[in-house]
């Protein structure tokens, strides 16, 4: 198998790789409490912790020691943790991307003359795999609509991008209700050419211009800090407008796998 990190493939780096273990379910964070006079613990459920992806690598024999050292230096630079979290794609999981950095240092072991082996442990603070080419849904009319997420097996935290014209005042709003959860934009100022963006994963919102430059914070425009999610499969999205002009709603699904 091969992999790519930060847009660079292991093949282009001249190394072979394989995964001997596949951690399909990350470590769990169990929530429990103990009660006096009761055996054991009271189970309050669990949530996923970080994911660790382990890959074994091999540098084929080089002609000279200098060439082997140069290859090692290039690998160390490529995997530098100074880059922070980068895209990690595995050939065994096409269409998915993880966001990772090195969890620990890299030790090269000489296996034969002028060849080395080493192990990598990638740390994914977000344990989910995301769609490399995400699903995007566009709605251009008010009313009830059905969108189908075909990628992923877990609910997702989408990004909503709303375009229209809205003035501040009583009875003026644009409401987006996803699977019964309402995101209401009111007491807001939105002009033609501007886009109101709601990132449900980061629980924030802003208004940007046509070039994508952030103009102002939009959290005060949200009546209640409710950030609707998208389920895998069919979803119902309803757009309601009062004393405002609705142009378009774009929903980036942020589809993901457990």
Protein backbone atom coordinates (compact mmCIF):
# COMPACT_ATOMS: atom_id res chain seq x y z
CA UNK A 1 0.00 0.00 0.00
CA UNK A 2 0.98 3.63 -0.27
CA UNK A 3 -0.08 6.88 1.34
CA UNK A 4 0.21 10.61 0.87
CA UNK A 5 0.92 13.25 3.48
CA UNK A 6 0.62 16.98 2.89
CA UNK A 7 -0.02 16.28 -0.79
CA UNK A 8 3.18 14.24 -1.29
CA UNK A 9 2.98 10.49 -1.94
CA UNK A 10 5.17 7.85 -0.32
CA UNK A 11 5.96 6.53 -3.82
CA UNK A 12 7.38 9.88 -4.90
CA UNK A 13 9.57 9.82 -1.79
CA UNK A 14 10.97 6.47 -2.89
CA UNK A 15 9.70 4.39 0.02
CA UNK A 16 7.56 1.28 0.31
CA UNK A 17 4.95 1.05 3.06
CA UNK A 18 2.42 -1.29 4.64
CA UNK A 19 -0.06 -1.33 7.51
CA UNK A 20 0.16 -4.34 9.80
CA UNK A 21 -2.60 -3.14 12.13
CA UNK A 22 -5.82 -1.32 11.27
CA UNK A 23 -7.37 0.66 14.08
CA UNK A 24 -10.97 0.92 12.82
CA UNK A 25 -12.35 2.07 16.16
CA UNK A 26 -10.24 4.70 17.96
CA UNK A 27 -9.69 4.58 21.70
CA UNK A 28 -12.77 5.37 23.75
CA UNK A 29 -13.18 7.92 26.51
CA UNK A 30 -15.46 6.16 28.99
CA UNK A 31 -17.56 8.31 31.31
CA UNK A 32 -18.42 6.67 34.62
CA UNK A 33 -19.15 7.57 38.23
CA UNK A 34 -18.91 5.54 41.39
CA UNK A 35 -21.66 5.41 43.98
CA UNK A 36 -21.23 4.57 47.65
CA UNK A 37 -22.67 1.18 48.54
CA UNK A 38 -22.86 0.06 44.92
CA UNK A 39 -20.52 -2.42 43.25
CA UNK A 40 -18.79 -1.38 40.07
CA UNK A 41 -19.42 1.88 38.25
CA UNK A 42 -22.38 3.69 36.72
CA UNK A 43 -21.94 3.87 32.95
CA UNK A 44 -22.55 7.33 31.44
CA UNK A 45 -21.56 6.34 27.93
CA UNK A 46 -18.43 6.95 25.91
CA UNK A 47 -17.00 9.19 23.21
CA UNK A 48 -14.20 8.68 20.71
CA UNK A 49 -10.69 9.77 21.53
CA UNK A 50 -7.97 10.54 18.98
CA UNK A 51 -7.13 8.10 16.17
CA UNK A 52 -3.60 6.75 15.68
CA UNK A 53 -2.62 5.39 12.25
CA UNK A 54 0.52 3.23 12.23
CA UNK A 55 2.47 2.63 9.02
CA UNK A 56 5.65 0.60 8.52
CA UNK A 57 8.02 1.92 5.84
CA UNK A 58 11.10 0.69 3.98
CA UNK A 59 13.79 2.55 2.05
CA UNK A 60 15.16 0.28 -0.71
CA UNK A 61 18.95 -0.06 -1.00
CA UNK A 62 20.77 3.02 -2.28
CA UNK A 63 24.01 3.15 -4.21
CA UNK A 64 25.90 5.15 -1.61
CA UNK A 65 25.64 6.10 2.06
CA UNK A 66 25.31 9.74 0.97
CA UNK A 67 22.24 8.90 -1.14
CA UNK A 68 20.65 7.05 1.79
CA UNK A 69 21.31 9.98 4.12
CA UNK A 70 19.81 12.41 1.60
CA UNK A 71 16.68 10.25 1.36
CA UNK A 72 16.34 10.24 5.17
CA UNK A 73 16.73 14.01 5.30
CA UNK A 74 13.99 14.46 2.71
CA UNK A 75 11.65 12.16 4.66
CA UNK A 76 12.28 14.04 7.92
CA UNK A 77 11.56 17.36 6.21
CA UNK A 78 8.40 15.97 4.57
CA UNK A 79 6.99 14.70 7.86
CA UNK A 80 8.04 17.67 9.99
CA UNK A 81 5.57 18.27 12.85
CA UNK A 82 6.24 22.00 12.42
CA UNK A 83 3.67 21.88 9.60
CA UNK A 84 0.95 21.05 12.09
CA UNK A 85 -2.00 18.89 11.06
CA UNK A 86 -1.95 17.98 7.33
CA UNK A 87 -3.98 15.82 4.98
CA UNK A 88 -3.24 12.10 5.24
CA UNK A 89 -4.62 9.80 2.53
CA UNK A 90 -4.30 6.01 2.52
CA UNK A 91 -4.38 3.96 -0.69
CA UNK A 92 -6.43 1.35 1.19
CA UNK A 93 -9.18 3.93 1.85
CA UNK A 94 -9.80 5.70 -1.47
CA UNK A 95 -11.92 8.84 -1.35
CA UNK A 96 -11.18 9.52 2.32
CA UNK A 97 -8.82 11.93 4.04
CA UNK A 98 -7.62 12.17 7.63
CA UNK A 99 -6.03 15.19 9.26
CA UNK A 100 -2.88 14.16 11.08
CA UNK A 101 0.64 14.91 12.25
CA UNK A 102 3.40 12.70 13.64
CA UNK A 103 2.71 11.42 17.13
CA UNK A 104 6.31 10.54 17.95
CA UNK A 105 9.83 10.65 16.57
CA UNK A 106 11.14 8.58 13.66
CA UNK A 107 13.91 6.01 14.15
CA UNK A 108 15.62 4.47 11.12
CA UNK A 109 16.74 0.85 11.47
CA UNK A 110 19.36 -0.61 9.14
CA UNK A 111 18.04 -3.87 7.71
CA UNK A 112 20.59 -4.49 4.94
CA UNK A 113 23.52 -2.46 3.68
CA UNK A 114 22.38 0.99 2.49
CA UNK A 115 18.71 0.28 3.21
CA UNK A 116 16.54 1.25 6.19
CA UNK A 117 13.18 0.54 7.77
CA UNK A 118 11.15 2.83 10.02
CA UNK A 119 7.72 3.05 11.61
CA UNK A 120 5.37 6.02 11.55
CA UNK A 121 2.59 6.79 14.01
CA UNK A 122 0.22 9.49 12.78
CA UNK A 123 -1.84 11.32 15.39
CA UNK A 124 -5.34 12.40 14.28
CA UNK A 125 -6.90 14.73 16.90
CA UNK A 126 -10.14 14.49 14.91
CA UNK A 127 -10.71 10.71 14.70
CA UNK A 128 -12.97 10.77 11.64
CA UNK A 129 -12.16 10.25 7.98
CA UNK A 130 -13.64 12.90 5.66
CA UNK A 131 -14.68 12.84 2.02
CA UNK A 132 -11.76 13.88 -0.18
CA UNK A 133 -14.30 15.31 -2.65
CA UNK A 134 -17.13 16.60 -0.51
CA UNK A 135 -20.82 16.67 -1.33
CA UNK A 136 -22.35 20.11 -1.90
CA UNK A 137 -26.09 20.78 -2.09
CA UNK A 138 -27.57 23.96 -3.59
CA UNK A 139 -31.07 25.27 -2.85
CA UNK A 140 -32.40 28.27 -4.80
CA UNK A 141 -36.04 28.40 -3.70
CA UNK A 142 -37.77 28.72 -0.35
CA UNK A 143 -39.81 25.75 0.82
CA UNK A 144 -39.13 22.15 1.80
CA UNK A 145 -36.35 20.18 0.10
CA UNK A 146 -34.76 16.73 0.44
CA UNK A 147 -31.01 16.23 0.16
CA UNK A 148 -29.28 12.86 0.21
CA UNK A 149 -25.83 12.34 1.65
CA UNK A 150 -24.33 9.42 -0.24
CA UNK A 151 -20.93 9.51 1.43
CA UNK A 152 -20.04 8.65 5.00
CA UNK A 153 -21.73 6.61 7.71
CA UNK A 154 -22.03 9.23 10.45
CA UNK A 155 -23.83 12.53 10.98
CA UNK A 156 -21.81 15.51 9.78
CA UNK A 157 -21.33 19.14 10.75
CA UNK A 158 -21.98 21.04 7.53
CA UNK A 159 -21.08 24.54 6.41
CA UNK A 160 -24.09 26.65 5.38
CA UNK A 161 -23.52 29.50 2.90
CA UNK A 162 -26.53 31.83 2.62
CA UNK A 163 -26.93 34.51 -0.07
CA UNK A 164 -29.72 37.06 -0.26
CA UNK A 165 -30.73 40.50 0.97
CA UNK A 166 -31.82 40.99 4.55
CA UNK A 167 -32.28 44.16 6.60
CA UNK A 168 -32.38 44.48 10.35
CA UNK A 169 -35.81 44.91 11.86
CA UNK A 170 -38.75 43.15 13.48
CA UNK A 171 -40.31 40.37 11.41
CA UNK A 172 -37.38 40.15 9.00
CA UNK A 173 -35.57 36.82 8.88
CA UNK A 174 -34.42 33.83 6.87
CA UNK A 175 -34.88 30.46 8.58
CA UNK A 176 -33.12 27.20 7.69
CA UNK A 177 -34.57 24.09 9.35
CA UNK A 178 -32.60 20.87 8.91
CA UNK A 179 -34.29 17.70 10.14
CA UNK A 180 -36.37 19.75 12.56
CA UNK A 181 -33.48 21.83 13.95
CA UNK A 182 -33.86 25.52 13.10
CA UNK A 183 -31.11 27.99 12.23
CA UNK A 184 -32.77 31.41 12.19
CA UNK A 185 -31.01 34.48 10.81
CA UNK A 186 -32.66 37.64 12.17
CA UNK A 187 -31.73 41.19 13.22
CA UNK A 188 -29.16 40.91 10.47
CA UNK A 189 -27.80 43.02 7.64
CA UNK A 190 -26.96 41.11 4.47
CA UNK A 191 -26.44 42.93 1.19
CA UNK A 192 -26.35 41.73 -2.41
CA UNK A 193 -22.99 40.13 -3.17
CA UNK A 194 -22.39 39.16 0.46
CA UNK A 195 -22.51 35.62 1.85
CA UNK A 196 -23.37 34.63 5.40
CA UNK A 197 -21.35 31.55 6.36
CA UNK A 198 -22.24 29.28 9.28
CA UNK A 199 -19.60 26.66 10.19
CA UNK A 200 -21.41 24.21 12.45
CA UNK A 201 -18.24 22.27 13.38
CA UNK A 202 -16.51 25.38 14.67
CA UNK A 203 -19.79 26.84 15.98
CA UNK A 204 -19.14 30.20 14.41
CA UNK A 205 -20.52 32.45 11.67
CA UNK A 206 -19.32 35.39 9.60
CA UNK A 207 -20.21 37.51 6.56
CA UNK A 208 -17.84 37.60 3.61
CA UNK A 209 -17.73 39.52 0.34
CA UNK A 210 -17.65 38.12 -3.20
CA UNK A 211 -13.86 37.63 -2.97
CA UNK A 212 -14.15 35.62 0.25
CA UNK A 213 -12.84 38.36 2.54
CA UNK A 214 -14.39 38.33 6.01
CA UNK A 215 -16.38 41.50 6.64
CA UNK A 216 -17.91 40.99 10.10
CA UNK A 217 -18.91 38.53 12.77
CA UNK A 218 -22.35 37.00 12.16
CA UNK A 219 -22.94 35.14 15.42
CA UNK A 220 -25.18 37.98 16.71
CA UNK A 221 -27.43 37.37 13.68
CA UNK A 222 -28.33 33.86 14.86
CA UNK A 223 -31.41 33.94 17.08
CA UNK A 224 -30.40 30.82 18.98
CA UNK A 225 -26.99 29.20 18.85
CA UNK A 226 -28.33 26.09 17.19
CA UNK A 227 -26.08 24.37 14.64
CA UNK A 228 -28.06 21.73 12.67
CA UNK A 229 -26.28 18.57 11.53
CA UNK A 230 -26.79 16.38 8.46
CA UNK A 231 -27.46 12.68 8.84
CA UNK A 232 -26.15 9.97 6.51
CA UNK A 233 -28.79 9.35 3.83
CA UNK A 234 -31.91 11.49 3.43
CA UNK A 235 -32.26 14.89 5.10
CA UNK A 236 -35.07 17.45 5.02
CA UNK A 237 -34.10 21.10 4.63
CA UNK A 238 -36.77 23.80 4.82
CA UNK A 239 -36.11 27.43 3.97
CA UNK A 240 -38.56 30.07 5.22
CA UNK A 241 -38.33 33.78 4.39
CA UNK A 242 -40.05 36.80 5.96
CA UNK A 243 -39.61 40.32 4.56
CA UNK A 244 -36.30 39.36 2.96
CA UNK A 245 -34.95 38.24 -0.42
CA UNK A 246 -33.55 34.72 -0.58
CA UNK A 247 -31.12 33.98 -3.40
CA UNK A 248 -29.30 30.73 -2.63
CA UNK A 249 -28.34 28.31 0.12
CA UNK A 250 -25.25 26.18 -0.40
CA UNK A 251 -24.62 23.33 2.03
CA UNK A 252 -21.17 21.73 2.15
CA UNK A 253 -21.90 18.37 3.74
CA UNK A 254 -18.49 17.69 5.37
CA UNK A 255 -19.35 13.99 4.97
CA UNK A 256 -17.36 11.69 7.22
CA UNK A 257 -16.82 8.12 8.33
CA UNK A 258 -16.50 6.75 11.85
